[in-house]
Amino acid sequence: MRRTSSLVGGILAVILLVGCGGGGSSGSSESLYTGVTSQAELTQDNVVDLTMEAYQAGDLASSAVIPLDQSEPASYEAGSPRAIALVRLLRGVAEKVRIPVSSPSYSMSANAASPMEVITESATMPDGFGGTASYTITVDTDTGDFSGTFTFTGWHGEGGALISGTTSVTGNFNVSMDEITRIRFTFHAVTMVDGLASITLTGTVELSISGFSSSATIEIYLQDGGIGKTVWIHGYTMTMTEGPDESPVDGIPDYTEVDVSCRIYLHHYGYVDVSTPTPFFFNPGSTNPDSGVLQVDGSLGRSAQLVVVSEVTGYFVQADLDGDPAGVYEWTSITYPWI
């Protein structure tokens, strides 16, 4: 049964949502973004491509198929939403980390004469598909605060992507529950492979995990060294709720529901503000949502929506291109498939 996702905003101490809806239209002097910085203008000629790019975080590997017969519509096959895929991947990694209470340097005893307050743990975790994630973290056992590094080697995530490279991490480990509740990944040129695209990630992803719910903030640049395009995901906030493991009880949540909100800078178009008036709903193991709506707001009061038909069928785009009255979508595309 589908449930409305519970908002867990406020869990994170640092929320970048302010940057999502307001602020200037250009990056800081330290920005790695090299594309257009003005607000994007949606037109009938570009609305499907622009909306698809906003959904999957750019056209760093173009998936638009333009027919030789120009009387036929282009086929816009959308890939997986990269930011969501990355968060699902990182949450899966964080949930596997454990600090063994049997560690020789670890003591929970209040009667210990000289308990060690800081321990270092290292391990290598397989993903079941040939990839690994190795970590070395130093934990303060009094506070649960930790820091360290993760090294990914072809690590596969539930959202379909895989990553390779080393990240630095900080966060908090709940000693009594033996699990991470907060973790911040800092990427320095980590490679993410998603379908045909090989992308370099630079920036931060911070996760807060509480039972079936988690939230994330993302400030990250996606770069394709081969074609020189960049995408800037700015002030991205996400809440993710996993359904109970009930039918069947197999250790896999019955569904994942995702709300997102951010400003995204698309290399050729400029920035748009995106949100999910209807959350995305993912079935277990699926890289494509089975339902949901992504709202894309551009300049001049124009907007569009990517409407999911199903995880099998694909999606269509509807657009308000006159901006008056807002929210009346006078144009609708055909249904396009997923990749």
Protein backbone atom coordinates (compact mmCIF):
# COMPACT_ATOMS: atom_id res chain seq x y z
CA MET A 1 0.00 0.00 0.00
CA ARG A 2 1.32 3.40 -0.93
CA ARG A 3 1.73 5.79 1.93
CA THR A 4 2.20 9.54 1.92
CA SER A 5 5.81 10.24 2.71
CA SER A 6 6.47 11.82 6.07
CA LEU A 7 8.53 14.96 5.89
CA VAL A 8 11.62 14.79 7.97
CA GLY A 9 12.86 18.29 7.22
CA GLY A 10 14.53 19.87 10.17
CA ILE A 11 16.56 16.77 10.97
CA LEU A 12 19.55 18.20 9.19
CA ALA A 13 21.27 21.13 10.79
CA VAL A 14 22.25 22.60 7.46
CA ILE A 15 19.38 22.99 4.97
CA LEU A 16 20.09 24.73 1.69
CA LEU A 17 16.47 25.19 0.66
CA VAL A 18 16.84 28.95 0.79
CA GLY A 19 19.15 28.70 -2.21
CA CYS A 20 16.56 26.57 -3.98
CA GLY A 21 13.85 29.16 -4.29
CA GLY A 22 15.67 32.44 -4.12
CA GLY A 23 19.00 34.13 -4.41
CA GLY A 24 20.92 35.22 -7.44
CA SER A 25 21.09 33.49 -10.77
CA SER A 26 24.81 32.95 -10.85
CA GLY A 27 27.25 30.85 -8.86
CA SER A 28 29.99 31.92 -6.51
CA SER A 29 33.50 32.70 -7.64
CA GLU A 30 34.43 29.13 -6.59
CA SER A 31 31.70 27.54 -8.71
CA LEU A 32 32.77 24.78 -11.07
CA TYR A 33 29.70 25.40 -13.21
CA THR A 34 30.59 26.71 -16.67
CA GLY A 35 27.18 26.93 -18.33
CA VAL A 36 24.42 29.53 -18.68
CA THR A 37 23.57 31.18 -15.33
CA SER A 38 20.36 33.07 -16.18
CA GLN A 39 16.92 31.58 -15.56
CA ALA A 40 15.85 29.18 -18.29
CA GLU A 41 13.03 30.10 -20.68
CA LEU A 42 10.65 27.25 -21.49
CA THR A 43 9.34 27.12 -25.05
CA GLN A 44 7.43 24.51 -27.03
CA ASP A 45 10.65 23.71 -28.89
CA ASN A 46 12.71 22.97 -25.78
CA VAL A 47 10.24 22.09 -23.02
CA VAL A 48 10.48 18.29 -23.32
CA ASP A 49 14.28 18.25 -23.49
CA LEU A 50 14.65 20.80 -20.69
CA THR A 51 12.18 19.02 -18.40
CA MET A 52 13.87 15.67 -19.05
CA GLU A 53 17.27 17.19 -18.27
CA ALA A 54 15.95 18.65 -15.01
CA TYR A 55 14.60 15.20 -14.08
CA GLN A 56 17.82 13.30 -14.74
CA ALA A 57 20.25 16.12 -13.81
CA GLY A 58 21.41 17.10 -17.26
CA ASP A 59 22.03 15.80 -20.74
CA LEU A 60 25.64 14.85 -20.04
CA ALA A 61 24.89 11.82 -22.20
CA SER A 62 22.18 12.91 -24.59
CA SER A 63 19.25 10.50 -24.88
CA ALA A 64 17.14 12.41 -27.39
CA VAL A 65 16.68 10.44 -30.60
CA ILE A 66 15.97 12.81 -33.51
CA PRO A 67 14.29 11.04 -36.46
CA LEU A 68 15.50 11.51 -40.02
CA ASP A 69 11.93 12.34 -40.98
CA GLN A 70 11.43 15.67 -39.21
CA SER A 71 7.66 15.24 -39.40
CA GLU A 72 7.99 12.57 -36.70
CA PRO A 73 8.47 13.64 -33.06
CA ALA A 74 11.81 13.13 -31.37
CA SER A 75 12.01 10.29 -28.88
CA TYR A 76 13.18 11.54 -25.49
CA GLU A 77 14.21 8.45 -23.54
CA ALA A 78 14.82 9.52 -19.95
CA GLY A 79 17.51 7.93 -17.82
CA SER A 80 17.40 7.51 -14.07
CA PRO A 81 17.30 10.65 -11.88
CA ARG A 82 20.97 10.91 -10.94
CA ALA A 83 20.60 12.82 -7.67
CA ILE A 84 18.01 10.34 -6.37
CA ALA A 85 20.12 7.40 -7.57
CA LEU A 86 23.15 8.80 -5.75
CA VAL A 87 21.27 9.31 -2.47
CA ARG A 88 19.77 5.82 -2.63
CA LEU A 89 23.25 4.42 -3.27
CA LEU A 90 24.86 6.32 -0.38
CA ARG A 91 22.08 5.44 2.05
CA GLY A 92 22.57 1.78 1.18
CA VAL A 93 26.29 2.13 1.96
CA ALA A 94 25.70 3.94 5.27
CA GLU A 95 23.26 1.29 6.45
CA LYS A 96 25.91 -1.43 6.07
CA VAL A 97 28.53 0.21 8.31
CA ARG A 98 28.93 -1.36 11.75
CA ILE A 99 31.27 -0.71 14.68
CA PRO A 100 31.74 -4.09 16.38
CA VAL A 101 31.19 -3.88 20.13
CA SER A 102 33.69 -6.71 20.45
CA SER A 103 36.49 -4.45 19.25
CA PRO A 104 39.46 -4.80 21.66
CA SER A 105 39.68 -1.03 21.99
CA TYR A 106 35.96 -0.56 22.53
CA SER A 107 34.34 -0.57 25.97
CA MET A 108 30.72 0.12 26.94
CA SER A 109 31.39 -0.66 30.60
CA ALA A 110 30.88 2.24 32.96
CA ASN A 111 33.16 0.43 35.42
CA ALA A 112 36.12 0.24 33.07
CA ALA A 113 39.16 1.82 34.69
CA SER A 114 40.45 3.55 31.53
CA PRO A 115 37.92 3.18 28.71
CA MET A 116 39.12 4.17 25.28
CA GLU A 117 37.11 7.10 23.95
CA VAL A 118 38.37 7.03 20.37
CA ILE A 119 38.58 3.95 18.16
CA THR A 120 39.40 3.35 14.51
CA GLU A 121 37.60 0.75 12.43
CA SER A 122 38.24 -0.44 8.87
CA ALA A 123 36.31 -2.85 6.68
CA THR A 124 35.57 -3.71 3.06
CA MET A 125 31.97 -4.36 2.04
CA PRO A 126 30.90 -6.14 -1.18
CA ASP A 127 27.83 -4.96 -3.06
CA GLY A 128 26.97 -8.40 -4.41
CA PHE A 129 27.68 -7.36 -8.02
CA GLY A 130 31.47 -7.29 -8.00
CA GLY A 131 31.89 -3.84 -6.47
CA THR A 132 33.26 -2.90 -3.05
CA ALA A 133 33.26 -0.05 -0.57
CA SER A 134 36.16 0.17 1.87
CA TYR A 135 36.09 2.51 4.82
CA THR A 136 38.35 3.67 7.63
CA ILE A 137 36.66 5.80 10.25
CA THR A 138 37.69 7.11 13.65
CA VAL A 139 34.84 7.24 16.17
CA ASP A 140 34.49 9.04 19.49
CA THR A 141 32.59 6.40 21.47
CA ASP A 142 31.26 8.97 23.94
CA THR A 143 29.59 11.20 21.36
CA GLY A 144 29.37 8.91 18.34
CA ASP A 145 30.97 11.55 16.12
CA PHE A 146 33.25 10.13 13.44
CA SER A 147 35.43 11.10 10.50
CA GLY A 148 37.32 9.16 7.89
CA THR A 149 37.25 8.01 4.27
CA PHE A 150 35.30 5.72 1.97
CA THR A 151 36.83 4.26 -1.18
CA PHE A 152 34.38 2.94 -3.75
CA THR A 153 35.40 0.49 -6.46
CA GLY A 154 32.59 -0.04 -8.95
CA TRP A 155 29.98 0.08 -6.17
CA HIS A 156 26.46 -0.58 -7.50
CA GLY A 157 23.47 1.19 -5.98
CA GLU A 158 19.76 0.38 -5.92
CA GLY A 159 19.07 3.43 -8.08
CA GLY A 160 21.03 1.96 -10.99
CA ALA A 161 24.26 3.97 -10.82
CA LEU A 162 27.72 2.88 -9.74
CA ILE A 163 30.56 4.99 -8.34
CA SER A 164 34.34 4.73 -8.02
CA GLY A 165 36.73 6.92 -6.08
CA THR A 166 37.55 8.13 -2.58
CA THR A 167 35.41 10.42 -0.43
CA SER A 168 35.99 11.97 2.97
CA VAL A 169 33.20 11.60 5.52
CA THR A 170 32.05 13.02 8.84
CA GLY A 171 28.96 12.19 10.84
CA ASN A 172 27.46 10.54 13.88
CA PHE A 173 27.20 6.87 14.79
CA ASN A 174 24.52 5.79 17.28
CA VAL A 175 26.52 3.45 19.48
CA SER A 176 23.52 1.89 21.24
CA MET A 177 21.70 1.20 17.94
CA ASP A 178 24.92 0.27 16.09
CA GLU A 179 24.08 2.38 13.05
CA ILE A 180 24.89 5.67 11.35
CA THR A 181 22.26 8.38 11.86
CA ARG A 182 24.04 11.23 10.07
CA ILE A 183 26.80 11.21 7.47
CA ARG A 184 28.27 13.83 5.14
CA PHE A 185 30.15 12.68 2.03
CA THR A 186 32.58 15.10 0.40
CA PHE A 187 33.41 14.20 -3.20
CA HIS A 188 36.67 15.15 -4.85
CA ALA A 189 36.35 14.04 -8.47
CA VAL A 190 34.54 10.75 -7.86
CA THR A 191 33.33 8.95 -11.00
CA MET A 192 29.66 8.04 -11.35
CA VAL A 193 28.58 5.78 -14.21
CA ASP A 194 24.91 5.90 -15.12
CA GLY A 195 23.96 4.06 -18.29
CA LEU A 196 26.10 5.51 -21.09
CA ALA A 197 27.19 8.52 -19.04
CA SER A 198 30.45 8.69 -17.10
CA ILE A 199 30.32 11.74 -14.85
CA THR A 200 32.71 13.37 -12.37
CA LEU A 201 31.13 14.36 -9.04
CA THR A 202 32.50 17.20 -6.92
CA GLY A 203 30.69 18.52 -3.85
CA THR A 204 28.80 17.24 -0.81
CA VAL A 205 25.90 14.98 0.08
CA GLU A 206 24.65 14.95 3.67
CA LEU A 207 22.26 12.25 4.88
CA SER A 208 20.21 11.99 8.05
CA ILE A 209 18.69 8.56 8.67
CA SER A 210 15.88 7.71 11.10
CA GLY A 211 14.25 4.32 10.73
CA PHE A 212 12.38 4.07 7.42
CA SER A 213 12.85 7.79 6.72
CA SER A 214 15.87 9.76 5.65
CA SER A 215 16.62 13.24 4.38
CA ALA A 216 19.44 14.62 2.30
CA THR A 217 20.96 17.91 1.19
CA ILE A 218 23.10 18.03 -1.93
CA GLU A 219 25.43 20.71 -3.26
CA ILE A 220 27.25 19.09 -6.13
CA TYR A 221 28.67 19.58 -9.62
CA LEU A 222 28.41 16.97 -12.37
CA GLN A 223 31.02 17.27 -15.10
CA ASP A 224 31.67 15.39 -18.32
CA GLY A 225 35.30 15.84 -19.24
CA GLY A 226 34.78 14.53 -22.76
CA ILE A 227 32.24 17.13 -23.90
CA GLY A 228 32.92 19.83 -21.33
CA LYS A 229 29.36 20.16 -20.01
CA THR A 230 28.57 20.85 -16.37
CA VAL A 231 25.42 20.67 -14.27
CA TRP A 232 25.10 22.31 -10.85
CA ILE A 233 22.67 20.79 -8.37
CA HIS A 234 22.20 23.64 -5.92
CA GLY A 235 20.45 23.45 -2.57
CA TYR A 236 18.91 20.06 -3.35
CA THR A 237 16.79 18.76 -0.49
CA MET A 238 15.25 15.32 -0.49
CA THR A 239 13.12 13.27 1.87
CA MET A 240 12.97 9.54 1.30
CA THR A 241 10.62 7.09 2.99
CA GLU A 242 11.01 3.34 2.63
CA GLY A 243 7.94 1.18 3.00
CA PRO A 244 7.76 -1.61 5.57
CA ASP A 245 9.17 -5.00 4.78
CA GLU A 246 5.90 -6.89 4.91
CA SER A 247 4.96 -8.59 1.66
CA PRO A 248 7.00 -10.71 1.51
CA VAL A 249 9.35 -10.37 4.47
CA ASP A 250 12.62 -10.59 2.56
CA GLY A 251 14.81 -7.82 3.99
CA ILE A 252 13.83 -5.46 1.15
CA PRO A 253 11.46 -2.50 1.76
CA ASP A 254 8.20 -2.78 -0.16
CA TYR A 255 8.64 0.64 -1.80
CA THR A 256 10.60 3.90 -1.70
CA GLU A 257 8.88 7.30 -1.87
CA VAL A 258 10.88 10.43 -2.66
CA ASP A 259 10.18 14.19 -2.38
CA VAL A 260 12.68 16.63 -3.88
CA SER A 261 13.14 20.38 -4.13
CA CYS A 262 16.07 22.38 -5.52
CA ARG A 263 17.53 24.72 -8.09
CA ILE A 264 19.38 23.04 -10.91
CA TYR A 265 21.64 24.77 -13.44
CA LEU A 266 21.54 23.09 -16.86
CA HIS A 267 24.55 23.80 -19.02
CA HIS A 268 22.78 25.05 -22.18
CA TYR A 269 19.56 26.42 -20.68
CA GLY A 270 20.34 28.08 -17.33
CA TYR A 271 18.59 27.39 -14.05
CA VAL A 272 15.16 26.06 -13.18
CA ASP A 273 13.52 25.42 -9.82
CA VAL A 274 12.18 21.91 -9.37
CA SER A 275 9.89 20.18 -6.88
CA THR A 276 7.63 17.13 -6.62
CA PRO A 277 3.98 18.08 -6.02
CA THR A 278 3.36 14.33 -6.21
CA PRO A 279 6.27 12.31 -4.74
CA PHE A 280 8.08 9.74 -6.85
CA PHE A 281 7.17 6.15 -5.97
CA PHE A 282 9.78 3.44 -6.67
CA ASN A 283 9.08 -0.27 -6.51
CA PRO A 284 11.81 -2.47 -4.98
CA GLY A 285 14.87 -2.73 -7.20
CA SER A 286 13.50 -0.37 -9.86
CA THR A 287 15.59 2.47 -11.26
CA ASN A 288 12.51 4.23 -12.70
CA PRO A 289 9.58 5.58 -10.67
CA ASP A 290 6.16 3.97 -11.00
CA SER A 291 4.34 7.24 -10.32
CA GLY A 292 5.04 10.86 -9.42
CA VAL A 293 5.21 14.38 -10.86
CA LEU A 294 8.23 16.67 -11.23
CA GLN A 295 7.43 20.39 -11.41
CA VAL A 296 9.89 22.59 -13.37
CA ASP A 297 9.62 26.40 -13.08
CA GLY A 298 11.42 28.70 -15.50
CA SER A 299 11.33 32.39 -16.37
CA LEU A 300 8.30 34.52 -17.33
CA GLY A 301 6.01 32.46 -15.10
CA ARG A 302 6.30 29.45 -17.40
CA SER A 303 6.38 25.93 -16.01
CA ALA A 304 6.21 22.30 -16.99
CA GLN A 305 5.63 18.93 -15.36
CA LEU A 306 7.14 15.55 -16.03
CA VAL A 307 4.30 13.13 -15.25
CA VAL A 308 5.21 9.48 -14.68
CA VAL A 309 2.81 7.00 -16.32
CA SER A 310 4.47 3.90 -14.88
CA GLU A 311 7.91 2.35 -14.40
CA VAL A 312 7.30 0.28 -17.53
CA THR A 313 5.49 2.71 -19.86
CA GLY A 314 7.42 5.96 -19.33
CA TYR A 315 6.34 9.57 -18.90
CA PHE A 316 4.83 12.59 -20.63
CA VAL A 317 5.37 16.34 -20.29
CA GLN A 318 2.69 18.97 -19.87
CA ALA A 319 3.48 22.67 -20.07
CA ASP A 320 2.13 26.10 -19.18
CA LEU A 321 3.96 28.24 -21.74
CA ASP A 322 1.92 31.44 -21.57
CA GLY A 323 2.32 31.85 -17.80
CA ASP A 324 -1.28 33.07 -17.43
CA PRO A 325 -3.06 31.75 -15.52
CA ALA A 326 -0.37 29.87 -13.67
CA GLY A 327 -0.82 26.15 -13.39
CA VAL A 328 -3.01 25.68 -16.49
CA TYR A 329 -1.16 23.27 -18.76
CA GLU A 330 -2.33 24.00 -22.27
CA TRP A 331 0.22 21.76 -24.01
CA THR A 332 0.85 18.02 -23.57
CA SER A 333 3.46 15.81 -25.23
CA ILE A 334 3.16 12.21 -26.33
CA THR A 335 4.31 9.48 -23.91
CA TYR A 336 8.06 8.82 -24.00
CA PRO A 337 9.83 5.66 -22.79
CA TRP A 338 12.52 5.26 -20.18
CA ILE A 339 15.95 4.18 -21.36
